[in-house]
Amino acid sequence: MAARALVFDIWQDIVRYSVTYILLVFVVMSAFSVIYYSHINRQTTSELEILFSKKDELNIEWRNLLLEQSSLAEHSAIESKAKRLLGMKRPDRDSEVIVSLK
C-alpha cells in the first residue's frame, strides 16, 4: 500500500511540474545544439582558411604560367628554337614561291 502511495505521489509531482521538466529538456537540447553548431562553425572556418590558401597558391602558379607563356610566345624565342633545334632558316628571295588563288 505504501509503494502504491509513493508511486501516486511521484506521478502527481511529475504532472504538477511537467512544464518545468519540458523546459528543462528544451534547455538541455538547446545547449547541445549550441555546442554542435559551434563545432561545425569552427570546422567550416578552418576549411575556408585552407581553401583561401590554396586559392592564393593557384593564383601565384597562374601568374607564373602567364609569364612563361608570354616569354615562350615571343617571336625571337620561337625563331631561335627553330634555328637551334630544327635547323630551320629564313628563306631567301630566290627560294620563295608565291601562289595566287584565282
N, C-alpha and C. Protein backbone atom coordinates (compact mmCIF):
# COMPACT_ATOMS: atom_id res chain seq x y z
N MET A 1 0.81 -1.18 0.00
CA MET A 1 0.00 0.00 0.00
C MET A 1 0.86 1.25 0.00
N ALA A 2 1.97 1.23 0.74
CA ALA A 2 2.85 2.39 0.83
C ALA A 2 3.54 2.62 -0.51
N ALA A 3 3.89 1.54 -1.22
CA ALA A 3 4.54 1.67 -2.52
C ALA A 3 3.59 2.30 -3.51
N ARG A 4 2.31 1.92 -3.42
CA ARG A 4 1.32 2.47 -4.34
C ARG A 4 1.13 3.97 -4.07
N ALA A 5 1.14 4.37 -2.82
CA ALA A 5 1.01 5.79 -2.46
C ALA A 5 2.23 6.57 -2.93
N LEU A 6 3.41 5.94 -2.82
CA LEU A 6 4.64 6.59 -3.27
C LEU A 6 4.61 6.81 -4.78
N VAL A 7 4.17 5.79 -5.51
CA VAL A 7 4.07 5.91 -6.97
C VAL A 7 3.07 6.99 -7.34
N PHE A 8 1.95 7.05 -6.61
CA PHE A 8 0.93 8.07 -6.88
C PHE A 8 1.48 9.47 -6.60
N ASP A 9 2.21 9.63 -5.50
CA ASP A 9 2.81 10.93 -5.18
C ASP A 9 3.83 11.36 -6.23
N ILE A 10 4.64 10.40 -6.72
CA ILE A 10 5.63 10.71 -7.76
C ILE A 10 4.91 11.14 -9.04
N TRP A 11 3.86 10.41 -9.37
CA TRP A 11 3.10 10.75 -10.58
C TRP A 11 2.48 12.14 -10.47
N GLN A 12 1.97 12.48 -9.32
CA GLN A 12 1.39 13.82 -9.11
C GLN A 12 2.47 14.90 -9.25
N ASP A 13 3.65 14.63 -8.72
CA ASP A 13 4.75 15.60 -8.87
C ASP A 13 5.14 15.77 -10.34
N ILE A 14 5.18 14.66 -11.06
CA ILE A 14 5.53 14.73 -12.49
C ILE A 14 4.49 15.56 -13.24
N VAL A 15 3.22 15.32 -12.97
CA VAL A 15 2.16 16.08 -13.64
C VAL A 15 2.20 17.55 -13.23
N ARG A 16 2.39 17.81 -11.96
CA ARG A 16 2.39 19.18 -11.45
C ARG A 16 3.56 19.99 -12.04
N TYR A 17 4.72 19.38 -12.18
CA TYR A 17 5.91 20.09 -12.68
C TYR A 17 6.25 19.70 -14.13
N SER A 18 5.27 19.23 -14.87
CA SER A 18 5.53 18.79 -16.25
C SER A 18 6.07 19.92 -17.12
N VAL A 19 5.56 21.12 -16.94
CA VAL A 19 6.05 22.26 -17.73
C VAL A 19 7.53 22.51 -17.40
N THR A 20 7.89 22.40 -16.15
CA THR A 20 9.29 22.60 -15.75
C THR A 20 10.19 21.53 -16.36
N TYR A 21 9.72 20.29 -16.35
CA TYR A 21 10.52 19.20 -16.95
C TYR A 21 10.67 19.39 -18.45
N ILE A 22 9.60 19.79 -19.11
CA ILE A 22 9.67 20.03 -20.56
C ILE A 22 10.65 21.17 -20.85
N LEU A 23 10.57 22.24 -20.08
CA LEU A 23 11.51 23.35 -20.26
C LEU A 23 12.94 22.92 -19.99
N LEU A 24 13.14 22.07 -19.00
CA LEU A 24 14.49 21.56 -18.72
C LEU A 24 15.03 20.77 -19.90
N VAL A 25 14.19 19.93 -20.49
CA VAL A 25 14.61 19.15 -21.66
C VAL A 25 14.97 20.09 -22.81
N PHE A 26 14.16 21.13 -23.02
CA PHE A 26 14.46 22.09 -24.09
C PHE A 26 15.76 22.85 -23.84
N VAL A 27 16.02 23.20 -22.60
CA VAL A 27 17.27 23.90 -22.27
C VAL A 27 18.48 23.01 -22.55
N VAL A 28 18.38 21.74 -22.17
CA VAL A 28 19.49 20.81 -22.42
C VAL A 28 19.68 20.61 -23.93
N MET A 29 18.57 20.45 -24.67
CA MET A 29 18.67 20.30 -26.13
C MET A 29 19.27 21.56 -26.76
N SER A 30 18.89 22.71 -26.27
CA SER A 30 19.44 23.96 -26.78
C SER A 30 20.94 24.05 -26.51
N ALA A 31 21.37 23.64 -25.34
CA ALA A 31 22.79 23.67 -25.00
C ALA A 31 23.59 22.75 -25.92
N PHE A 32 23.07 21.54 -26.16
CA PHE A 32 23.77 20.61 -27.06
C PHE A 32 23.79 21.13 -28.49
N SER A 33 22.72 21.79 -28.93
CA SER A 33 22.71 22.32 -30.29
C SER A 33 23.71 23.47 -30.42
N VAL A 34 23.86 24.30 -29.39
CA VAL A 34 24.86 25.36 -29.43
C VAL A 34 26.26 24.76 -29.53
N ILE A 35 26.52 23.73 -28.78
CA ILE A 35 27.83 23.06 -28.82
C ILE A 35 28.08 22.48 -30.21
N TYR A 36 27.08 21.81 -30.76
CA TYR A 36 27.22 21.17 -32.07
C TYR A 36 27.48 22.21 -33.16
N TYR A 37 26.69 23.27 -33.20
CA TYR A 37 26.85 24.26 -34.26
C TYR A 37 28.11 25.10 -34.08
N SER A 38 28.58 25.26 -32.87
CA SER A 38 29.87 25.92 -32.67
C SER A 38 31.00 25.07 -33.25
N HIS A 39 30.90 23.78 -33.04
CA HIS A 39 31.89 22.85 -33.60
C HIS A 39 31.86 22.88 -35.13
N ILE A 40 30.68 22.83 -35.70
CA ILE A 40 30.54 22.87 -37.17
C ILE A 40 31.09 24.20 -37.71
N ASN A 41 30.81 25.28 -37.01
CA ASN A 41 31.31 26.59 -37.44
C ASN A 41 32.82 26.63 -37.43
N ARG A 42 33.46 26.07 -36.41
CA ARG A 42 34.92 26.05 -36.35
C ARG A 42 35.51 25.21 -37.47
N GLN A 43 34.90 24.06 -37.75
CA GLN A 43 35.38 23.21 -38.84
C GLN A 43 35.26 23.92 -40.19
N THR A 44 34.13 24.57 -40.41
CA THR A 44 33.91 25.27 -41.67
C THR A 44 34.88 26.43 -41.83
N THR A 45 35.14 27.16 -40.76
CA THR A 45 36.10 28.25 -40.82
C THR A 45 37.50 27.73 -41.13
N SER A 46 37.86 26.61 -40.55
CA SER A 46 39.16 26.01 -40.83
C SER A 46 39.26 25.59 -42.29
N GLU A 47 38.22 24.96 -42.82
CA GLU A 47 38.21 24.55 -44.23
C GLU A 47 38.28 25.78 -45.14
N LEU A 48 37.61 26.85 -44.76
CA LEU A 48 37.64 28.08 -45.55
C LEU A 48 39.04 28.66 -45.61
N GLU A 49 39.75 28.65 -44.50
CA GLU A 49 41.12 29.15 -44.49
C GLU A 49 42.03 28.30 -45.38
N ILE A 50 41.83 27.00 -45.35
CA ILE A 50 42.62 26.10 -46.22
C ILE A 50 42.34 26.41 -47.68
N LEU A 51 41.06 26.62 -48.02
CA LEU A 51 40.70 26.93 -49.40
C LEU A 51 41.25 28.28 -49.84
N PHE A 52 41.28 29.26 -48.94
CA PHE A 52 41.86 30.55 -49.29
C PHE A 52 43.36 30.42 -49.56
N SER A 53 44.05 29.62 -48.78
CA SER A 53 45.49 29.44 -49.01
C SER A 53 45.73 28.70 -50.34
N LYS A 54 44.89 27.70 -50.66
CA LYS A 54 45.02 27.02 -51.95
C LYS A 54 44.74 27.98 -53.10
N LYS A 55 43.76 28.86 -52.91
CA LYS A 55 43.45 29.86 -53.94
C LYS A 55 44.64 30.77 -54.18
N ASP A 56 45.29 31.20 -53.11
CA ASP A 56 46.47 32.05 -53.26
C ASP A 56 47.59 31.32 -53.99
N GLU A 57 47.80 30.05 -53.66
CA GLU A 57 48.83 29.26 -54.34
C GLU A 57 48.52 29.11 -55.82
N LEU A 58 47.25 28.87 -56.14
CA LEU A 58 46.86 28.71 -57.55
C LEU A 58 47.00 30.04 -58.30
N ASN A 59 46.71 31.15 -57.65
CA ASN A 59 46.89 32.46 -58.30
C ASN A 59 48.36 32.72 -58.61
N ILE A 60 49.23 32.36 -57.69
CA ILE A 60 50.67 32.53 -57.92
C ILE A 60 51.12 31.65 -59.08
N GLU A 61 50.66 30.40 -59.09
CA GLU A 61 51.02 29.49 -60.18
C GLU A 61 50.49 30.01 -61.52
N TRP A 62 49.27 30.55 -61.52
CA TRP A 62 48.67 31.09 -62.75
C TRP A 62 49.51 32.26 -63.28
N ARG A 63 49.93 33.17 -62.38
CA ARG A 63 50.77 34.29 -62.81
C ARG A 63 52.09 33.80 -63.39
N ASN A 64 52.68 32.80 -62.76
CA ASN A 64 53.94 32.25 -63.28
C ASN A 64 53.74 31.61 -64.65
N LEU A 65 52.63 30.92 -64.84
CA LEU A 65 52.36 30.31 -66.14
C LEU A 65 52.11 31.36 -67.22
N LEU A 66 51.45 32.45 -66.85
CA LEU A 66 51.25 33.53 -67.82
C LEU A 66 52.59 34.15 -68.24
N LEU A 67 53.48 34.34 -67.26
CA LEU A 67 54.80 34.86 -67.59
C LEU A 67 55.57 33.91 -68.50
N GLU A 68 55.48 32.62 -68.19
CA GLU A 68 56.16 31.63 -69.01
C GLU A 68 55.59 31.59 -70.42
N GLN A 69 54.27 31.69 -70.52
CA GLN A 69 53.62 31.68 -71.84
C GLN A 69 54.04 32.89 -72.67
N SER A 70 54.07 34.04 -72.03
CA SER A 70 54.46 35.24 -72.78
C SER A 70 55.92 35.17 -73.22
N SER A 71 56.77 34.61 -72.39
CA SER A 71 58.17 34.51 -72.78
C SER A 71 58.36 33.46 -73.88
N LEU A 72 57.59 32.39 -73.85
CA LEU A 72 57.71 31.37 -74.90
C LEU A 72 57.07 31.81 -76.21
N ALA A 73 56.11 32.71 -76.14
CA ALA A 73 55.41 33.14 -77.34
C ALA A 73 56.13 34.27 -78.06
N GLU A 74 57.19 34.79 -77.50
CA GLU A 74 57.94 35.85 -78.17
C GLU A 74 58.52 35.32 -79.47
N HIS A 75 58.48 36.17 -80.48
CA HIS A 75 58.94 35.76 -81.81
C HIS A 75 60.41 35.36 -81.81
N SER A 76 61.22 36.11 -81.09
CA SER A 76 62.65 35.81 -81.09
C SER A 76 62.94 34.46 -80.44
N ALA A 77 62.19 34.13 -79.40
CA ALA A 77 62.40 32.84 -78.74
C ALA A 77 62.01 31.69 -79.67
N ILE A 78 60.91 31.86 -80.38
CA ILE A 78 60.46 30.81 -81.32
C ILE A 78 61.46 30.67 -82.47
N GLU A 79 61.92 31.81 -82.96
CA GLU A 79 62.87 31.77 -84.07
C GLU A 79 64.19 31.11 -83.66
N SER A 80 64.68 31.44 -82.47
CA SER A 80 65.95 30.85 -82.04
C SER A 80 65.81 29.35 -81.79
N LYS A 81 64.68 28.92 -81.25
CA LYS A 81 64.48 27.47 -81.05
C LYS A 81 64.34 26.76 -82.39
N ALA A 82 63.68 27.38 -83.35
CA ALA A 82 63.55 26.76 -84.66
C ALA A 82 64.92 26.62 -85.32
N LYS A 83 65.76 27.62 -85.20
CA LYS A 83 67.12 27.54 -85.78
C LYS A 83 67.95 26.49 -85.06
N ARG A 84 67.90 26.51 -83.73
CA ARG A 84 68.77 25.64 -82.93
C ARG A 84 68.31 24.19 -82.96
N LEU A 85 67.04 23.93 -82.72
CA LEU A 85 66.57 22.55 -82.58
C LEU A 85 66.21 21.90 -83.92
N LEU A 86 65.63 22.67 -84.84
CA LEU A 86 65.15 22.08 -86.08
C LEU A 86 66.03 22.39 -87.28
N GLY A 87 67.04 23.26 -87.08
CA GLY A 87 67.92 23.61 -88.19
C GLY A 87 67.21 24.43 -89.26
N MET A 88 66.19 25.15 -88.90
CA MET A 88 65.46 25.96 -89.86
C MET A 88 66.16 27.30 -90.08
N LYS A 89 65.88 27.92 -91.21
CA LYS A 89 66.43 29.24 -91.51
C LYS A 89 65.41 30.01 -92.32
N ARG A 90 65.60 31.31 -92.39
CA ARG A 90 64.71 32.14 -93.19
C ARG A 90 64.96 31.86 -94.66
N PRO A 91 63.87 31.78 -95.42
CA PRO A 91 64.08 31.57 -96.87
C PRO A 91 64.63 32.85 -97.51
N ASP A 92 65.50 32.65 -98.51
CA ASP A 92 65.98 33.82 -99.22
C ASP A 92 65.03 34.15 -100.37
N ARG A 93 65.29 35.24 -101.07
CA ARG A 93 64.36 35.72 -102.09
C ARG A 93 64.21 34.72 -103.23
N ASP A 94 65.24 34.06 -103.56
CA ASP A 94 65.18 33.17 -104.70
C ASP A 94 64.38 31.89 -104.43
N SER A 95 64.31 31.49 -103.18
CA SER A 95 63.60 30.24 -102.87
C SER A 95 62.14 30.47 -102.51
N GLU A 96 61.69 31.71 -102.49
CA GLU A 96 60.28 32.00 -102.19
C GLU A 96 59.42 31.73 -103.40
N VAL A 97 58.27 31.13 -103.18
CA VAL A 97 57.32 30.87 -104.25
C VAL A 97 56.01 31.51 -103.86
N ILE A 98 55.44 32.32 -104.72
CA ILE A 98 54.18 33.00 -104.43
C ILE A 98 53.09 32.26 -105.21
N VAL A 99 52.04 31.85 -104.52
CA VAL A 99 50.94 31.13 -105.12
C VAL A 99 49.73 32.04 -105.09
N SER A 100 49.13 32.24 -106.22
CA SER A 100 47.92 33.07 -106.27
C SER A 100 46.72 32.17 -106.49
N LEU A 101 45.68 32.47 -105.80
CA LEU A 101 44.46 31.67 -105.88
C LEU A 101 43.43 32.43 -106.71
N LYS A 102 43.18 31.96 -107.92
CA LYS A 102 42.17 32.60 -108.77
C LYS A 102 41.29 31.58 -109.42
